[in-house]
Amino acid sequence: MEREREREDSWMMDKRIPISLLIAIVMQTGSAFWWASSIAARIDTQDKRLAVAEEQLKETNKIMTDLRVTLAVVNTQLAATQRVLDRRSSDGTTFPTGP
């Protein structure tokens, strides 16, 4: 019977907990919260940078669209100028050569 009781006692935990274990658990928990907050801060920073990059991309796309329109206008004007020059050269018209 004594042996059986001894075996039962060996499977039970002691109600006394060392202060060092409590300190270690508190420190690990604090470290986990600190780590999670630093990750959250980095994510927030990346979200802000992404928003700025998306805005810059929209601006760049608008500028590119404006440049395409301007280029199309310049090409149209260049083609019209080329037609005028071709017509004058086929008529035998001479162009001034400069000062």
C-alpha atoms as a PDB file:
ATOM      1  CA  MET A   1       0.000   0.000   0.000  1.00  0.00           C
ATOM      2  CA  GLU A   2       2.825   2.378   0.851  1.00  0.00           C
ATOM      3  CA  ARG A   3       4.449   1.603  -2.464  1.00  0.00           C
ATOM      4  CA  GLU A   4       1.217   2.324  -4.315  1.00  0.00           C
ATOM      5  CA  ARG A   5       0.838   5.659  -2.579  1.00  0.00           C
ATOM      6  CA  GLU A   6       4.436   6.524  -3.432  1.00  0.00           C
ATOM      7  CA  ARG A   7       3.765   5.805  -7.096  1.00  0.00           C
ATOM      8  CA  GLU A   8       0.649   8.009  -7.093  1.00  0.00           C
ATOM      9  CA  ASP A   9       2.640  10.847  -5.540  1.00  0.00           C
ATOM     10  CA  SER A  10       5.266  10.645  -8.226  1.00  0.00           C
ATOM     11  CA  TRP A  11       2.684  11.429 -10.897  1.00  0.00           C
ATOM     12  CA  MET A  12       1.339  14.508  -9.153  1.00  0.00           C
ATOM     13  CA  MET A  13       2.723  17.974  -9.562  1.00  0.00           C
ATOM     14  CA  ASP A  14       3.890  19.953  -6.624  1.00  0.00           C
ATOM     15  CA  LYS A  15       1.759  22.977  -5.811  1.00  0.00           C
ATOM     16  CA  ARG A  16       4.834  25.060  -5.191  1.00  0.00           C
ATOM     17  CA  ILE A  17       6.132  26.841  -8.301  1.00  0.00           C
ATOM     18  CA  PRO A  18       9.602  28.371  -8.308  1.00  0.00           C
ATOM     19  CA  ILE A  19       9.703  32.163  -8.759  1.00  0.00           C
ATOM     20  CA  SER A  20      12.304  31.735 -11.487  1.00  0.00           C
ATOM     21  CA  LEU A  21       9.794  29.761 -13.557  1.00  0.00           C
ATOM     22  CA  LEU A  22       7.185  32.491 -13.120  1.00  0.00           C
ATOM     23  CA  ILE A  23       9.707  35.156 -14.105  1.00  0.00           C
ATOM     24  CA  ALA A  24      10.751  33.137 -17.160  1.00  0.00           C
ATOM     25  CA  ILE A  25       7.124  32.693 -18.274  1.00  0.00           C
ATOM     26  CA  VAL A  26       6.370  36.403 -17.792  1.00  0.00           C
ATOM     27  CA  MET A  27       9.507  37.381 -19.697  1.00  0.00           C
ATOM     28  CA  GLN A  28       8.706  35.020 -22.567  1.00  0.00           C
ATOM     29  CA  THR A  29       5.144  36.295 -22.724  1.00  0.00           C
ATOM     30  CA  GLY A  30       6.385  39.888 -22.736  1.00  0.00           C
ATOM     31  CA  SER A  31       8.880  39.052 -25.439  1.00  0.00           C
ATOM     32  CA  ALA A  32       6.152  37.455 -27.537  1.00  0.00           C
ATOM     33  CA  PHE A  33       3.984  40.589 -27.225  1.00  0.00           C
ATOM     34  CA  TRP A  34       6.945  42.826 -28.030  1.00  0.00           C
ATOM     35  CA  TRP A  35       7.789  40.720 -31.098  1.00  0.00           C
ATOM     36  CA  ALA A  36       4.164  40.734 -32.282  1.00  0.00           C
ATOM     37  CA  SER A  37       3.922  44.509 -31.872  1.00  0.00           C
ATOM     38  CA  SER A  38       7.139  45.041 -33.828  1.00  0.00           C
ATOM     39  CA  ILE A  39       5.781  42.854 -36.621  1.00  0.00           C
ATOM     40  CA  ALA A  40       2.526  44.834 -36.596  1.00  0.00           C
ATOM     41  CA  ALA A  41       4.492  48.088 -36.795  1.00  0.00           C
ATOM     42  CA  ARG A  42       6.487  46.788 -39.756  1.00  0.00           C
ATOM     43  CA  ILE A  43       3.299  45.713 -41.504  1.00  0.00           C
ATOM     44  CA  ASP A  44       1.792  49.174 -40.947  1.00  0.00           C
ATOM     45  CA  THR A  45       4.927  50.782 -42.375  1.00  0.00           C
ATOM     46  CA  GLN A  46       4.822  48.518 -45.423  1.00  0.00           C
ATOM     47  CA  ASP A  47       1.111  49.281 -45.938  1.00  0.00           C
ATOM     48  CA  LYS A  48       1.868  53.016 -45.946  1.00  0.00           C
ATOM     49  CA  ARG A  49       4.748  52.541 -48.369  1.00  0.00           C
ATOM     50  CA  LEU A  50       2.527  50.427 -50.606  1.00  0.00           C
ATOM     51  CA  ALA A  51      -0.161  53.129 -50.621  1.00  0.00           C
ATOM     52  CA  VAL A  52       2.438  55.719 -51.651  1.00  0.00           C
ATOM     53  CA  ALA A  53       3.780  53.421 -54.380  1.00  0.00           C
ATOM     54  CA  GLU A  54       0.261  52.776 -55.699  1.00  0.00           C
ATOM     55  CA  GLU A  55      -0.390  56.540 -55.850  1.00  0.00           C
ATOM     56  CA  GLN A  56       2.894  57.067 -57.695  1.00  0.00           C
ATOM     57  CA  LEU A  57       1.947  54.300 -60.119  1.00  0.00           C
ATOM     58  CA  LYS A  58      -1.395  55.985 -60.813  1.00  0.00           C
ATOM     59  CA  GLU A  59       0.391  59.278 -61.446  1.00  0.00           C
ATOM     60  CA  THR A  60       2.897  57.578 -63.734  1.00  0.00           C
ATOM     61  CA  ASN A  61       0.098  55.885 -65.688  1.00  0.00           C
ATOM     62  CA  LYS A  62      -1.667  59.240 -66.103  1.00  0.00           C
ATOM     63  CA  ILE A  63       1.552  60.850 -67.323  1.00  0.00           C
ATOM     64  CA  MET A  64       2.119  57.966 -69.751  1.00  0.00           C
ATOM     65  CA  THR A  65      -1.419  58.354 -71.104  1.00  0.00           C
ATOM     66  CA  ASP A  66      -0.864  62.103 -71.570  1.00  0.00           C
ATOM     67  CA  LEU A  67       2.426  61.398 -73.324  1.00  0.00           C
ATOM     68  CA  ARG A  68       0.758  58.914 -75.671  1.00  0.00           C
ATOM     69  CA  VAL A  69      -1.851  61.508 -76.604  1.00  0.00           C
ATOM     70  CA  THR A  70       0.816  64.166 -77.113  1.00  0.00           C
ATOM     71  CA  LEU A  71       2.895  61.784 -79.209  1.00  0.00           C
ATOM     72  CA  ALA A  72      -0.124  60.967 -81.371  1.00  0.00           C
ATOM     73  CA  VAL A  73      -0.738  64.699 -81.941  1.00  0.00           C
ATOM     74  CA  VAL A  74       2.926  65.278 -82.804  1.00  0.00           C
ATOM     75  CA  ASN A  75       2.892  62.321 -85.226  1.00  0.00           C
ATOM     76  CA  THR A  76      -0.238  63.702 -86.896  1.00  0.00           C
ATOM     77  CA  GLN A  77       1.345  67.139 -87.239  1.00  0.00           C
ATOM     78  CA  LEU A  78       4.561  65.606 -88.527  1.00  0.00           C
ATOM     79  CA  ALA A  79       2.652  63.595 -91.130  1.00  0.00           C
ATOM     80  CA  ALA A  80       0.805  66.741 -92.242  1.00  0.00           C
ATOM     81  CA  THR A  81       4.086  68.646 -92.491  1.00  0.00           C
ATOM     82  CA  GLN A  82       5.610  65.785 -94.474  1.00  0.00           C
ATOM     83  CA  ARG A  83       2.672  65.832 -96.903  1.00  0.00           C
ATOM     84  CA  VAL A  84       3.094  69.583 -97.407  1.00  0.00           C
ATOM     85  CA  LEU A  85       6.821  69.155 -98.037  1.00  0.00           C
ATOM     86  CA  ASP A  86       6.217  66.273-100.431  1.00  0.00           C
ATOM     87  CA  ARG A  87       3.636  68.297-102.332  1.00  0.00           C
ATOM     88  CA  ARG A  88       5.983  71.286-102.622  1.00  0.00           C
ATOM     89  CA  SER A  89       8.881  69.166-103.744  1.00  0.00           C
ATOM     90  CA  SER A  90       6.737  67.465-106.415  1.00  0.00           C
ATOM     91  CA  ASP A  91       5.607  70.924-107.647  1.00  0.00           C
ATOM     92  CA  GLY A  92       9.210  71.958-108.059  1.00  0.00           C
ATOM     93  CA  THR A  93       8.938  74.621-105.413  1.00  0.00           C
ATOM     94  CA  THR A  94      12.289  75.538-103.944  1.00  0.00           C
ATOM     95  CA  PHE A  95      12.781  76.168-100.302  1.00  0.00           C
ATOM     96  CA  PRO A  96      14.805  78.987 -98.821  1.00  0.00           C
ATOM     97  CA  THR A  97      18.223  77.759 -97.756  1.00  0.00           C
ATOM     98  CA  GLY A  98      18.705  80.129 -94.857  1.00  0.00           C
ATOM     99  CA  PRO A  99      20.664  83.332 -94.194  1.00  0.00           C
END
